[in-house]
N, C-alpha and C. Protein backbone atom coordinates (compact mmCIF):
# COMPACT_ATOMS: atom_id res chain seq x y z
N MET A 1 -10.52 -171.57 1.18
CA MET A 1 -10.51 -170.67 -0.13
C MET A 1 -11.93 -170.65 -0.47
N SER A 2 -12.60 -169.47 -1.18
CA SER A 2 -13.80 -169.39 -1.67
C SER A 2 -14.14 -170.48 -2.78
N ALA A 3 -15.62 -170.85 -2.69
CA ALA A 3 -16.05 -171.66 -3.88
C ALA A 3 -16.00 -171.02 -5.06
N CYS A 4 -16.21 -169.75 -5.09
CA CYS A 4 -16.41 -168.85 -6.32
C CYS A 4 -15.10 -168.32 -6.85
N ARG A 5 -13.85 -168.38 -6.16
CA ARG A 5 -12.60 -167.85 -6.47
C ARG A 5 -12.10 -168.40 -7.59
N GLN A 6 -11.68 -168.06 -8.64
CA GLN A 6 -11.31 -168.49 -10.10
C GLN A 6 -10.32 -167.44 -10.55
N ASN A 7 -9.22 -167.91 -10.86
CA ASN A 7 -8.17 -166.81 -11.69
C ASN A 7 -8.17 -165.55 -11.13
N TYR A 8 -8.20 -165.44 -9.58
CA TYR A 8 -8.06 -164.24 -9.14
C TYR A 8 -6.73 -164.40 -8.08
N HIS A 9 -5.70 -163.84 -8.43
CA HIS A 9 -4.56 -163.56 -7.65
C HIS A 9 -4.65 -162.75 -6.75
N GLN A 10 -3.74 -162.97 -5.76
CA GLN A 10 -3.73 -162.34 -4.39
C GLN A 10 -3.33 -161.05 -4.65
N ASP A 11 -2.61 -160.70 -5.59
CA ASP A 11 -2.01 -159.19 -5.98
C ASP A 11 -3.33 -158.59 -6.42
N CYS A 12 -4.29 -159.19 -7.17
CA CYS A 12 -5.23 -158.40 -7.86
C CYS A 12 -6.42 -158.26 -6.68
N GLU A 13 -6.48 -159.12 -5.57
CA GLU A 13 -7.29 -158.68 -4.49
C GLU A 13 -6.76 -157.68 -3.45
N ASP A 14 -5.61 -157.55 -3.48
CA ASP A 14 -5.10 -156.47 -2.60
C ASP A 14 -5.17 -155.28 -3.26
N GLY A 15 -4.89 -155.21 -4.65
CA GLY A 15 -4.95 -153.97 -5.37
C GLY A 15 -6.51 -153.53 -5.24
N VAL A 16 -7.38 -154.12 -5.55
CA VAL A 16 -8.69 -153.72 -5.40
C VAL A 16 -9.02 -153.38 -4.03
N ASN A 17 -8.66 -154.10 -2.90
CA ASN A 17 -8.79 -153.26 -1.35
C ASN A 17 -8.26 -151.72 -1.62
N ALA A 18 -7.06 -151.75 -2.11
CA ALA A 18 -6.20 -150.22 -1.84
C ALA A 18 -7.18 -149.62 -2.85
N GLN A 19 -7.60 -149.83 -4.00
CA GLN A 19 -8.36 -148.86 -4.76
C GLN A 19 -9.95 -148.66 -4.29
N ILE A 20 -10.27 -149.42 -3.18
CA ILE A 20 -11.70 -149.22 -2.48
C ILE A 20 -11.22 -148.09 -1.37
N ASN A 21 -10.02 -148.06 -0.65
CA ASN A 21 -9.58 -147.08 0.05
C ASN A 21 -9.49 -145.76 -0.58
N LEU A 22 -8.75 -145.79 -1.87
CA LEU A 22 -8.43 -144.51 -2.63
C LEU A 22 -9.79 -144.00 -3.01
N GLU A 23 -10.49 -144.57 -3.37
CA GLU A 23 -12.09 -144.00 -3.87
C GLU A 23 -13.04 -143.29 -2.43
N LEU A 24 -12.82 -144.01 -1.14
CA LEU A 24 -13.25 -143.54 0.06
C LEU A 24 -12.59 -142.45 0.43
N TYR A 25 -11.28 -142.16 0.13
CA TYR A 25 -10.61 -141.19 0.26
C TYR A 25 -11.01 -140.09 -0.70
N ALA A 26 -11.05 -140.28 -1.73
CA ALA A 26 -11.68 -139.28 -2.93
C ALA A 26 -13.26 -138.95 -2.41
N MET A 27 -13.92 -139.60 -1.85
CA MET A 27 -15.33 -139.17 -1.29
C MET A 27 -14.72 -138.17 -0.42
N TYR A 28 -14.25 -138.69 0.69
CA TYR A 28 -14.01 -137.47 2.07
C TYR A 28 -13.58 -136.31 1.57
N VAL A 29 -12.34 -136.18 0.24
CA VAL A 29 -12.09 -135.01 -0.13
C VAL A 29 -13.27 -134.14 -0.83
N TYR A 30 -13.84 -134.96 -1.53
CA TYR A 30 -15.10 -134.27 -2.27
C TYR A 30 -16.14 -133.66 -1.14
N GLN A 31 -16.02 -134.49 -0.09
CA GLN A 31 -17.28 -134.01 1.07
C GLN A 31 -16.67 -132.59 1.54
N SER A 32 -15.31 -132.79 2.11
CA SER A 32 -14.83 -131.55 2.43
C SER A 32 -14.88 -130.41 1.44
N LEU A 33 -14.52 -130.47 0.26
CA LEU A 33 -14.73 -129.29 -0.85
C LEU A 33 -16.49 -128.84 -0.59
N ALA A 34 -17.28 -130.06 -0.96
CA ALA A 34 -18.71 -129.51 -0.70
C ALA A 34 -19.05 -128.65 0.39
N THR A 35 -18.48 -129.21 1.54
CA THR A 35 -18.92 -128.42 3.01
C THR A 35 -18.20 -127.11 2.85
N TYR A 36 -17.21 -126.97 2.46
CA TYR A 36 -16.31 -125.51 2.31
C TYR A 36 -17.25 -124.58 1.60
N PHE A 37 -17.80 -124.91 0.51
CA PHE A 37 -18.31 -124.05 -0.68
C PHE A 37 -19.67 -123.66 -0.18
N GLU A 38 -20.19 -124.70 0.81
CA GLU A 38 -21.77 -124.48 1.05
C GLU A 38 -21.40 -123.55 2.53
N ARG A 39 -20.47 -123.20 3.04
CA ARG A 39 -20.40 -122.31 4.09
C ARG A 39 -21.03 -120.97 3.92
N HIS A 40 -21.35 -120.27 4.92
CA HIS A 40 -21.98 -119.06 4.88
C HIS A 40 -20.98 -118.02 4.39
N ASP A 41 -19.86 -118.36 4.73
CA ASP A 41 -18.67 -117.13 4.27
C ASP A 41 -18.23 -117.63 3.04
N VAL A 42 -18.60 -118.53 2.34
CA VAL A 42 -18.14 -118.90 0.89
C VAL A 42 -19.13 -118.72 -0.07
N ALA A 43 -20.32 -119.46 0.42
CA ALA A 43 -21.43 -119.45 -0.33
C ALA A 43 -21.41 -119.78 -2.10
N LEU A 44 -21.09 -120.48 -2.30
CA LEU A 44 -21.12 -121.08 -3.63
C LEU A 44 -21.97 -122.29 -4.09
N PRO A 45 -23.13 -122.16 -3.98
CA PRO A 45 -23.94 -123.64 -3.67
C PRO A 45 -23.89 -124.36 -5.00
N ASN A 46 -23.63 -124.10 -6.23
CA ASN A 46 -23.53 -124.61 -7.41
C ASN A 46 -22.03 -125.44 -7.23
N ILE A 47 -21.08 -124.94 -6.90
CA ILE A 47 -19.79 -125.45 -6.79
C ILE A 47 -19.85 -126.71 -5.85
N ALA A 48 -20.51 -126.47 -4.58
CA ALA A 48 -20.55 -127.22 -3.62
C ALA A 48 -21.58 -128.56 -4.06
N ALA A 49 -22.49 -128.39 -4.90
CA ALA A 49 -23.45 -129.21 -5.44
C ALA A 49 -22.45 -130.33 -6.62
N THR A 50 -21.55 -129.67 -7.11
CA THR A 50 -20.80 -130.22 -7.83
C THR A 50 -19.85 -131.17 -7.11
N PHE A 51 -19.25 -130.68 -6.41
CA PHE A 51 -18.60 -131.54 -5.09
C PHE A 51 -19.14 -132.52 -4.30
N ARG A 52 -20.52 -132.38 -4.19
CA ARG A 52 -21.19 -133.36 -3.48
C ARG A 52 -21.77 -134.55 -4.57
N LYS A 53 -21.90 -134.12 -5.90
CA LYS A 53 -22.37 -135.16 -6.57
C LYS A 53 -21.03 -136.12 -7.09
N ALA A 54 -19.74 -135.36 -6.88
CA ALA A 54 -18.65 -136.33 -7.05
C ALA A 54 -18.14 -137.23 -5.89
N SER A 55 -18.65 -136.67 -4.69
CA SER A 55 -18.58 -137.57 -3.48
C SER A 55 -19.40 -138.77 -3.67
N LYS A 56 -20.52 -138.54 -3.88
CA LYS A 56 -21.39 -139.60 -4.33
C LYS A 56 -21.02 -140.63 -5.46
N GLU A 57 -20.38 -140.23 -6.19
CA GLU A 57 -19.88 -141.09 -7.38
C GLU A 57 -19.00 -141.81 -6.92
N GLU A 58 -17.81 -141.28 -6.07
CA GLU A 58 -16.72 -142.00 -5.41
C GLU A 58 -17.16 -142.98 -4.53
N LEU A 59 -18.04 -142.80 -3.62
CA LEU A 59 -18.65 -143.74 -2.62
C LEU A 59 -19.16 -144.97 -3.51
N GLY A 60 -20.07 -144.53 -4.82
CA GLY A 60 -20.49 -145.48 -5.76
C GLY A 60 -19.36 -146.47 -6.31
N HIS A 61 -18.27 -145.82 -6.60
CA HIS A 61 -17.10 -146.41 -7.02
C HIS A 61 -16.70 -147.63 -6.26
N ALA A 62 -16.45 -146.95 -4.80
CA ALA A 62 -16.26 -147.86 -3.83
C ALA A 62 -16.98 -149.13 -3.68
N GLU A 63 -18.19 -148.84 -3.55
CA GLU A 63 -19.25 -149.82 -3.35
C GLU A 63 -19.32 -150.77 -4.71
N LEU A 64 -19.16 -150.49 -5.95
CA LEU A 64 -19.01 -151.27 -6.96
C LEU A 64 -17.87 -152.12 -7.00
N LEU A 65 -16.60 -151.69 -6.35
CA LEU A 65 -15.32 -152.56 -6.13
C LEU A 65 -15.49 -153.69 -5.14
N MET A 66 -16.28 -153.11 -3.83
CA MET A 66 -16.82 -154.00 -3.08
C MET A 66 -17.50 -155.18 -3.39
N ARG A 67 -18.27 -154.97 -4.28
CA ARG A 67 -19.40 -156.29 -5.14
C ARG A 67 -18.27 -156.84 -5.79
N PHE A 68 -17.62 -156.14 -6.57
CA PHE A 68 -16.70 -157.03 -7.67
C PHE A 68 -15.92 -158.15 -6.74
N GLN A 69 -15.35 -157.55 -5.55
CA GLN A 69 -14.31 -158.39 -4.55
C GLN A 69 -15.07 -159.42 -4.29
N ASN A 70 -16.19 -159.43 -3.75
CA ASN A 70 -17.08 -160.27 -3.33
C ASN A 70 -17.66 -161.30 -4.37
N ASP A 71 -17.78 -160.93 -5.62
CA ASP A 71 -18.02 -161.80 -6.46
C ASP A 71 -17.06 -162.44 -7.09
N ARG A 72 -15.84 -162.05 -7.04
CA ARG A 72 -14.72 -163.05 -7.35
C ARG A 72 -14.15 -163.87 -6.42
N GLY A 73 -14.76 -163.77 -4.96
CA GLY A 73 -14.13 -164.41 -4.05
C GLY A 73 -12.99 -164.10 -3.14
N GLY A 74 -12.77 -162.71 -3.40
CA GLY A 74 -12.05 -162.15 -2.54
C GLY A 74 -12.75 -161.48 -1.22
N LYS A 75 -11.88 -161.10 -0.31
CA LYS A 75 -12.42 -160.35 0.88
C LYS A 75 -12.06 -158.89 1.10
N VAL A 76 -12.94 -157.96 1.13
CA VAL A 76 -13.02 -156.83 1.33
C VAL A 76 -12.30 -156.46 2.67
N VAL A 77 -11.15 -155.74 2.48
CA VAL A 77 -10.65 -155.32 3.75
C VAL A 77 -10.68 -153.82 3.83
N LEU A 78 -11.31 -153.24 4.77
CA LEU A 78 -11.32 -152.08 5.02
C LEU A 78 -10.33 -151.32 5.85
N SER A 79 -9.50 -150.17 5.20
CA SER A 79 -8.51 -149.70 6.10
C SER A 79 -8.85 -148.21 6.61
N ASP A 80 -8.34 -147.79 7.35
CA ASP A 80 -8.47 -146.21 7.76
C ASP A 80 -8.35 -145.47 6.57
N ILE A 81 -9.24 -144.40 6.65
CA ILE A 81 -9.51 -143.46 5.44
C ILE A 81 -8.74 -142.45 6.01
N LYS A 82 -7.55 -141.96 5.18
CA LYS A 82 -6.99 -140.66 5.32
C LYS A 82 -7.75 -139.41 5.49
N ALA A 83 -7.62 -138.52 6.40
CA ALA A 83 -8.23 -137.23 6.29
C ALA A 83 -7.85 -136.36 5.04
N PRO A 84 -8.64 -135.66 4.64
CA PRO A 84 -8.27 -134.65 3.33
C PRO A 84 -7.02 -133.74 4.13
N ALA A 85 -6.04 -133.35 3.31
CA ALA A 85 -4.89 -132.51 3.83
C ALA A 85 -5.47 -131.12 3.97
N ASN A 86 -6.50 -130.73 3.47
CA ASN A 86 -7.00 -129.23 3.59
C ASN A 86 -8.47 -129.14 4.01
N THR A 87 -8.75 -128.24 4.81
CA THR A 87 -10.23 -128.12 5.15
C THR A 87 -10.55 -126.65 4.69
N GLU A 88 -9.68 -125.73 4.60
CA GLU A 88 -9.66 -124.21 3.99
C GLU A 88 -9.09 -124.42 2.29
N TRP A 89 -10.14 -124.49 1.42
CA TRP A 89 -9.75 -124.76 0.08
C TRP A 89 -9.38 -123.36 -0.53
N GLY A 90 -9.79 -122.37 -0.09
CA GLY A 90 -9.49 -121.02 -0.62
C GLY A 90 -10.42 -120.69 -2.13
N SER A 91 -9.91 -120.55 -3.00
CA SER A 91 -10.55 -119.92 -4.41
C SER A 91 -11.23 -121.16 -5.09
N ALA A 92 -12.15 -121.01 -5.56
CA ALA A 92 -12.70 -122.20 -6.47
C ALA A 92 -11.74 -122.68 -7.43
N LEU A 93 -10.74 -121.88 -7.88
CA LEU A 93 -9.48 -122.16 -8.85
C LEU A 93 -8.89 -123.24 -8.09
N LYS A 94 -8.27 -122.87 -6.87
CA LYS A 94 -7.80 -123.87 -6.39
C LYS A 94 -8.40 -125.15 -5.87
N ALA A 95 -9.85 -125.18 -5.60
CA ALA A 95 -10.38 -126.22 -5.32
C ALA A 95 -10.51 -127.19 -6.38
N MET A 96 -10.66 -126.57 -7.66
CA MET A 96 -10.70 -127.32 -8.81
C MET A 96 -9.60 -128.00 -9.22
N GLU A 97 -8.22 -127.27 -9.08
CA GLU A 97 -7.27 -127.90 -9.45
C GLU A 97 -6.68 -129.12 -8.15
N ALA A 98 -7.21 -128.75 -7.01
CA ALA A 98 -7.16 -130.03 -5.91
C ALA A 98 -7.65 -131.22 -6.66
N ALA A 99 -8.96 -131.04 -6.85
CA ALA A 99 -9.96 -132.06 -7.70
C ALA A 99 -9.44 -132.65 -8.67
N SER A 100 -8.78 -131.65 -9.64
CA SER A 100 -8.34 -132.54 -10.96
C SER A 100 -6.94 -133.38 -10.39
N ASP A 101 -6.14 -132.73 -9.77
CA ASP A 101 -4.86 -133.85 -9.34
C ASP A 101 -5.57 -134.87 -8.37
N LEU A 102 -6.62 -134.96 -7.71
CA LEU A 102 -7.09 -136.26 -7.03
C LEU A 102 -7.72 -136.95 -8.29
N GLU A 103 -8.36 -136.63 -9.19
CA GLU A 103 -8.93 -137.33 -10.25
C GLU A 103 -7.75 -138.00 -11.19
N LYS A 104 -6.63 -137.50 -11.23
CA LYS A 104 -5.41 -137.95 -11.95
C LYS A 104 -4.73 -139.24 -10.88
N THR A 105 -4.87 -138.90 -9.70
CA THR A 105 -4.25 -139.83 -8.88
C THR A 105 -5.26 -141.09 -9.01
N VAL A 106 -6.59 -140.95 -8.85
CA VAL A 106 -7.38 -141.90 -8.72
C VAL A 106 -6.97 -142.83 -10.20
N ASN A 107 -6.99 -142.05 -10.99
CA ASN A 107 -6.94 -142.58 -12.58
C ASN A 107 -5.64 -143.54 -12.64
N GLN A 108 -4.72 -142.75 -12.20
CA GLN A 108 -3.57 -143.68 -12.41
C GLN A 108 -3.50 -144.81 -11.45
N ALA A 109 -4.02 -144.80 -10.35
CA ALA A 109 -4.07 -145.93 -9.69
C ALA A 109 -5.09 -146.90 -10.44
N LEU A 110 -6.15 -146.62 -11.13
CA LEU A 110 -6.89 -147.52 -11.71
C LEU A 110 -6.05 -148.06 -12.80
N LEU A 111 -5.27 -147.20 -13.70
CA LEU A 111 -4.29 -147.86 -14.74
C LEU A 111 -3.35 -148.82 -14.13
N ASP A 112 -2.64 -148.37 -12.97
CA ASP A 112 -1.86 -149.56 -12.29
C ASP A 112 -2.58 -150.69 -11.83
N LEU A 113 -3.74 -150.74 -11.40
CA LEU A 113 -4.45 -152.05 -11.09
C LEU A 113 -5.02 -152.73 -12.54
N HIS A 114 -4.90 -152.11 -13.58
CA HIS A 114 -5.30 -152.73 -14.91
C HIS A 114 -4.10 -153.59 -15.07
N LYS A 115 -2.89 -152.91 -14.84
CA LYS A 115 -1.61 -153.68 -15.27
C LYS A 115 -1.30 -154.93 -14.08
N ILE A 116 -1.96 -154.56 -13.24
CA ILE A 116 -1.80 -155.89 -12.23
C ILE A 116 -2.78 -157.11 -12.69
N SER A 117 -3.77 -156.85 -13.35
CA SER A 117 -4.89 -157.82 -13.82
C SER A 117 -4.38 -158.44 -15.16
N ASP A 118 -3.72 -157.51 -15.82
CA ASP A 118 -2.96 -158.04 -17.08
C ASP A 118 -1.73 -158.96 -16.80
N LYS A 119 -1.25 -158.33 -15.67
CA LYS A 119 0.16 -159.46 -15.56
C LYS A 119 -0.12 -160.51 -15.06
N HIS A 120 -1.55 -160.79 -14.54
CA HIS A 120 -2.00 -161.90 -13.83
C HIS A 120 -2.96 -162.56 -15.00
N ASN A 121 -3.03 -162.37 -16.02
CA ASN A 121 -4.11 -162.71 -16.88
C ASN A 121 -5.43 -162.61 -16.60
N ASP A 122 -6.05 -161.84 -15.83
CA ASP A 122 -7.13 -161.44 -15.47
C ASP A 122 -8.13 -160.83 -16.21
N SER A 123 -8.54 -161.50 -17.46
CA SER A 123 -9.28 -160.53 -18.42
C SER A 123 -10.79 -159.91 -17.89
N GLN A 124 -11.33 -160.68 -17.07
CA GLN A 124 -12.61 -160.34 -16.44
C GLN A 124 -12.37 -159.00 -15.69
N MET A 125 -11.22 -159.05 -14.97
CA MET A 125 -10.73 -157.85 -14.08
C MET A 125 -10.64 -156.75 -14.94
N SER A 126 -9.59 -156.87 -15.98
CA SER A 126 -9.19 -155.87 -16.80
C SER A 126 -10.38 -155.22 -17.45
N ASP A 127 -11.25 -156.00 -18.07
CA ASP A 127 -12.63 -155.83 -18.65
C ASP A 127 -13.40 -154.65 -17.57
N PHE A 128 -13.52 -155.35 -16.36
CA PHE A 128 -14.37 -154.42 -15.27
C PHE A 128 -13.64 -153.29 -15.20
N ILE A 129 -12.58 -152.97 -14.92
CA ILE A 129 -11.80 -151.71 -14.96
C ILE A 129 -12.12 -150.66 -16.23
N GLU A 130 -11.96 -151.29 -17.29
CA GLU A 130 -12.34 -150.68 -18.58
C GLU A 130 -13.69 -149.97 -18.57
N ASN A 131 -14.78 -150.98 -18.37
CA ASN A 131 -15.78 -150.58 -18.64
C ASN A 131 -16.60 -150.20 -17.69
N ASN A 132 -16.05 -149.94 -16.21
CA ASN A 132 -16.93 -149.12 -15.10
C ASN A 132 -15.95 -148.06 -14.93
N PHE A 133 -14.78 -147.76 -15.21
CA PHE A 133 -13.88 -146.73 -14.58
C PHE A 133 -13.12 -145.88 -15.41
N LEU A 134 -12.33 -146.24 -16.62
CA LEU A 134 -11.53 -145.59 -17.32
C LEU A 134 -11.85 -144.45 -18.17
N THR A 135 -13.14 -144.66 -18.65
CA THR A 135 -13.86 -143.64 -19.61
C THR A 135 -14.20 -142.53 -18.59
N GLU A 136 -14.81 -143.01 -17.48
CA GLU A 136 -15.62 -141.77 -16.60
C GLU A 136 -14.41 -141.06 -16.08
N GLN A 137 -13.25 -141.67 -15.96
CA GLN A 137 -11.93 -140.79 -15.26
C GLN A 137 -11.59 -139.87 -16.29
N VAL A 138 -11.57 -140.30 -17.50
CA VAL A 138 -11.09 -139.30 -18.32
C VAL A 138 -12.02 -138.06 -18.65
N GLU A 139 -13.23 -138.34 -18.70
CA GLU A 139 -14.12 -137.27 -18.67
C GLU A 139 -14.24 -136.34 -17.48
N ALA A 140 -14.00 -136.98 -16.47
CA ALA A 140 -14.01 -136.24 -15.20
C ALA A 140 -12.68 -135.31 -15.11
N ILE A 141 -11.61 -135.90 -15.50
CA ILE A 141 -10.51 -134.80 -15.66
C ILE A 141 -10.73 -134.01 -16.76
N LYS A 142 -11.27 -134.27 -17.87
CA LYS A 142 -11.57 -132.94 -18.93
C LYS A 142 -12.56 -131.92 -18.49
N GLU A 143 -13.69 -132.38 -17.67
CA GLU A 143 -14.61 -131.22 -17.10
C GLU A 143 -14.00 -130.72 -15.98
N LEU A 144 -13.01 -131.18 -15.31
CA LEU A 144 -12.55 -130.44 -14.29
C LEU A 144 -11.53 -129.48 -15.09
N GLY A 145 -10.59 -129.76 -16.05
CA GLY A 145 -9.90 -128.87 -16.77
C GLY A 145 -10.60 -127.99 -17.33
N ASP A 146 -11.82 -128.09 -17.89
CA ASP A 146 -12.60 -127.05 -18.64
C ASP A 146 -12.94 -125.96 -17.39
N HIS A 147 -13.02 -126.40 -16.00
CA HIS A 147 -13.65 -125.52 -15.18
C HIS A 147 -12.53 -124.83 -14.82
N ILE A 148 -11.15 -125.30 -14.71
CA ILE A 148 -9.70 -124.50 -14.28
C ILE A 148 -9.84 -123.55 -15.34
N THR A 149 -9.73 -123.78 -16.47
CA THR A 149 -9.75 -122.77 -17.89
C THR A 149 -10.67 -121.74 -17.59
N ASN A 150 -12.16 -121.92 -17.19
CA ASN A 150 -13.04 -120.98 -17.17
C ASN A 150 -12.78 -120.11 -16.08
N LEU A 151 -12.34 -120.65 -14.77
CA LEU A 151 -12.25 -119.77 -13.39
C LEU A 151 -11.00 -119.08 -13.63
N LYS A 152 -9.83 -119.33 -14.51
CA LYS A 152 -8.65 -118.58 -14.92
C LYS A 152 -9.37 -117.54 -15.56
N ARG A 153 -10.20 -117.71 -16.43
CA ARG A 153 -10.73 -116.53 -17.32
C ARG A 153 -11.59 -115.63 -16.85
N VAL A 154 -12.28 -116.02 -15.58
CA VAL A 154 -13.10 -115.06 -15.06
C VAL A 154 -12.62 -114.40 -13.70
N GLY A 155 -11.42 -115.09 -13.21
CA GLY A 155 -11.17 -114.50 -11.88
C GLY A 155 -11.67 -114.64 -10.84
N PRO A 156 -11.01 -114.25 -9.55
CA PRO A 156 -11.62 -114.50 -8.33
C PRO A 156 -12.81 -113.49 -7.99
N GLY A 157 -13.51 -113.74 -6.96
CA GLY A 157 -14.45 -112.52 -6.63
C GLY A 157 -15.67 -112.86 -7.43
N HIS A 158 -16.05 -111.87 -8.13
CA HIS A 158 -17.14 -111.51 -8.93
C HIS A 158 -17.26 -112.76 -9.90
N GLY A 159 -16.12 -112.91 -10.62
CA GLY A 159 -16.01 -113.88 -11.45
C GLY A 159 -16.43 -115.24 -10.90
N GLU A 160 -15.92 -115.56 -9.81
CA GLU A 160 -16.30 -116.92 -9.34
C GLU A 160 -17.82 -116.99 -9.13
N TYR A 161 -18.40 -116.00 -8.45
CA TYR A 161 -19.83 -115.98 -8.23
C TYR A 161 -20.84 -116.38 -9.56
N HIS A 162 -20.26 -115.54 -10.44
CA HIS A 162 -20.70 -115.72 -11.82
C HIS A 162 -20.53 -117.11 -12.49
N PHE A 163 -19.41 -117.56 -12.34
CA PHE A 163 -19.16 -118.91 -12.69
C PHE A 163 -20.12 -120.11 -12.00
N ASP A 164 -20.19 -119.73 -10.65
CA ASP A 164 -21.04 -120.47 -9.66
C ASP A 164 -22.60 -120.56 -10.31
N LYS A 165 -22.89 -119.44 -10.58
CA LYS A 165 -24.41 -119.14 -11.18
C LYS A 165 -24.49 -119.89 -12.58
N GLU A 166 -23.39 -120.06 -13.27
CA GLU A 166 -23.67 -120.81 -14.67
C GLU A 166 -23.26 -122.25 -14.44
N LEU A 167 -22.69 -122.69 -13.49
CA LEU A 167 -22.45 -124.17 -13.41
C LEU A 167 -23.70 -124.86 -13.29
N LYS A 168 -23.56 -126.01 -14.04
CA LYS A 168 -24.87 -126.78 -14.06
C LYS A 168 -24.77 -128.14 -13.25
């Protein structure tokens, strides 16, 4: 038993490890999206940069969870990271929809992890999830929703090109 472990239920530890894996999977998906949009035959560099930034954020989330796990006296257990289902993402609209679905999945997993911490009266873990993840998830889902709306508005081809040029 760890000397620093206190009020850290095994279900919480297992849930954090599962969330680490999900964050790393999200990083993989965003890497796949970024490299797709960087390809010479797709060539939408600002969309690629948006996905590259998201990939780095997901890695940061995984690292933050790993530090939390160690701080609480748990053990980080890394598992295989599933490869993204797609490597050919098609249009920017389809890619943004896939990213939105991914963010909603990550958000739901965080909400479920929060429920586990509440169930075991782990206030520190609940606060950690609230302060470091939940607001950012809502903001990411909103931003992707805005991108989806605008991509539907401008359409494929020339519209995607101009969307990419305006993306900051």
